[in-house]
């Protein structure tokens, strides 16, 4: 049994994510701070909310609490906004990001309808732990207005093509991010959630 935590920014319903995790056999707690000892095999930052309030919620006093909580051994899955917070800053707000991954978060181009909502193909660039068993051109579900712009593209394991290339999956150390919502992405999303659980078991 894998014991996971979902961090709740207080911004929306995280039931579908919790439900998806529990269907794969995980036990899931919803947490709102990092004051207690880390008893979890993995942590999820969900994809609902806005950048500044979410960052303030995570870093109530400083980033140190979050960094000490996860260190370099707790797998963290950031979904949509959750992934965007891994980076240094976002055009959505004024707060500094967690700065775990070098790079910025920028708004989607004017040529696109914002927010972008719908199913898009994944273009797999390189193998990754949470892409195990996912095929090139598989479909996943996006709801977002921003995209990440890493300083180092080597962390990108999959992209989607909107006329521009949008990083869809990133991996760096124990941090994993998806711009799309695996909990809303059917069988392909279930594979990725199971892969994350497998990482958490190690």
Foldseek 3Di string as FASTA:
>chain_A
DFEEEEEDLVFDDCVLVCVLLVVLPYHYDYDQELPDAQPGLAYEYEAGDFQPSSQCSHQVPHLVSVCVRCPQRHAYEYEASGVQLCEQEEPRDDDGGSHNFYFYKYFDDPVDDPPDWDKFFKAFDADDQLCVPPDGGQIFIAGGGIAIDGPDCVQQGIWTPPVHTGRAWGDDRSYIYGNTDLSRGPPSSSSSSVSNSVSSVD
